[in-house]
């Protein structure tokens, strides 16, 4: 298993798309606005200038298993 930070918009897009895979059978799930979420995860929007945001994913054998985001907003 490998946990790694995400740095590109392509990786963040895969992070966002992962939710659709996880919740595909949940008729009550409402997907987020992908553009807005990518902006938040990249640190380009939604938080003040002193905030730090880092998205991560867990993968094994090229398969995405989980996502997580760390936010430091002093």
Protein backbone atom coordinates (compact mmCIF):
# COMPACT_ATOMS: atom_id res chain seq x y z
CA UNK A 1 0.00 0.00 0.00
CA UNK A 2 1.24 3.47 -0.88
CA UNK A 3 0.02 6.81 0.54
CA UNK A 4 1.09 9.81 -1.42
CA UNK A 5 0.34 13.51 -1.69
CA UNK A 6 -1.43 14.75 -4.81
CA UNK A 7 0.12 17.61 -6.73
CA UNK A 8 -1.47 17.86 -10.19
CA UNK A 9 -4.95 18.79 -11.34
CA UNK A 10 -5.14 15.39 -13.07
CA UNK A 11 -4.53 13.62 -9.75
CA UNK A 12 -7.09 15.85 -8.03
CA UNK A 13 -9.62 15.04 -10.77
CA UNK A 14 -9.06 11.33 -10.07
CA UNK A 15 -9.54 12.07 -6.35
CA UNK A 16 -12.89 13.74 -7.10
CA UNK A 17 -13.98 10.96 -9.48
CA UNK A 18 -13.25 8.32 -6.84
CA UNK A 19 -16.39 9.38 -4.96
CA UNK A 20 -18.54 8.35 -7.90
CA UNK A 21 -17.00 4.89 -7.81
CA UNK A 22 -17.48 4.52 -4.06
CA UNK A 23 -21.06 5.81 -3.97
CA UNK A 24 -22.30 4.56 -7.37
CA UNK A 25 -25.00 2.38 -5.74
CA UNK A 26 -26.17 5.06 -3.28
CA UNK A 27 -29.17 6.80 -4.84
CA UNK A 28 -28.98 9.54 -2.17
CA UNK A 29 -25.41 10.60 -2.93
CA UNK A 30 -25.04 14.01 -4.56
CA UNK A 31 -21.69 14.50 -6.28
CA UNK A 32 -19.74 17.65 -5.46
CA UNK A 33 -19.03 20.38 -7.98
CA UNK A 34 -15.79 18.96 -9.40
CA UNK A 35 -14.28 22.30 -10.41
CA UNK A 36 -14.93 23.85 -6.99
CA UNK A 37 -13.60 20.81 -5.13
CA UNK A 38 -10.41 20.74 -7.21
CA UNK A 39 -9.90 24.44 -6.45
CA UNK A 40 -10.31 23.74 -2.71
CA UNK A 41 -8.06 20.67 -2.73
CA UNK A 42 -5.35 22.49 -4.66
CA UNK A 43 -5.31 25.33 -2.13
CA UNK A 44 -6.36 27.88 -4.76
CA UNK A 45 -9.74 28.73 -3.33
CA UNK A 46 -12.05 28.75 -0.36
CA UNK A 47 -9.58 29.23 2.46
CA UNK A 48 -7.60 32.23 3.68
CA UNK A 49 -4.04 32.85 2.54
CA UNK A 50 -2.58 31.31 5.71
CA UNK A 51 -4.35 27.97 5.22
CA UNK A 52 -2.61 24.85 3.98
CA UNK A 53 -4.45 22.06 2.15
CA UNK A 54 -2.97 18.73 1.07
CA UNK A 55 -4.92 15.93 -0.58
CA UNK A 56 -3.64 12.34 -0.44
CA UNK A 57 -4.68 9.00 -1.81
CA UNK A 58 -3.95 5.42 -0.88
CA UNK A 59 -3.25 3.04 -3.73
CA UNK A 60 -2.12 -0.51 -4.21
CA UNK A 61 -1.20 -2.10 -7.50
CA UNK A 62 -2.43 0.97 -9.40
CA UNK A 63 -5.86 0.74 -7.75
CA UNK A 64 -7.13 3.70 -5.76
CA UNK A 65 -8.33 2.52 -2.33
CA UNK A 66 -8.99 5.70 -0.32
CA UNK A 67 -8.69 9.49 -0.29
CA UNK A 68 -8.04 11.93 2.54
CA UNK A 69 -7.38 15.64 2.88
CA UNK A 70 -5.39 17.42 5.57
CA UNK A 71 -6.26 21.07 6.27
CA UNK A 72 -4.37 23.44 8.54
CA UNK A 73 -6.35 26.65 8.97
CA UNK A 74 -4.83 28.68 11.78
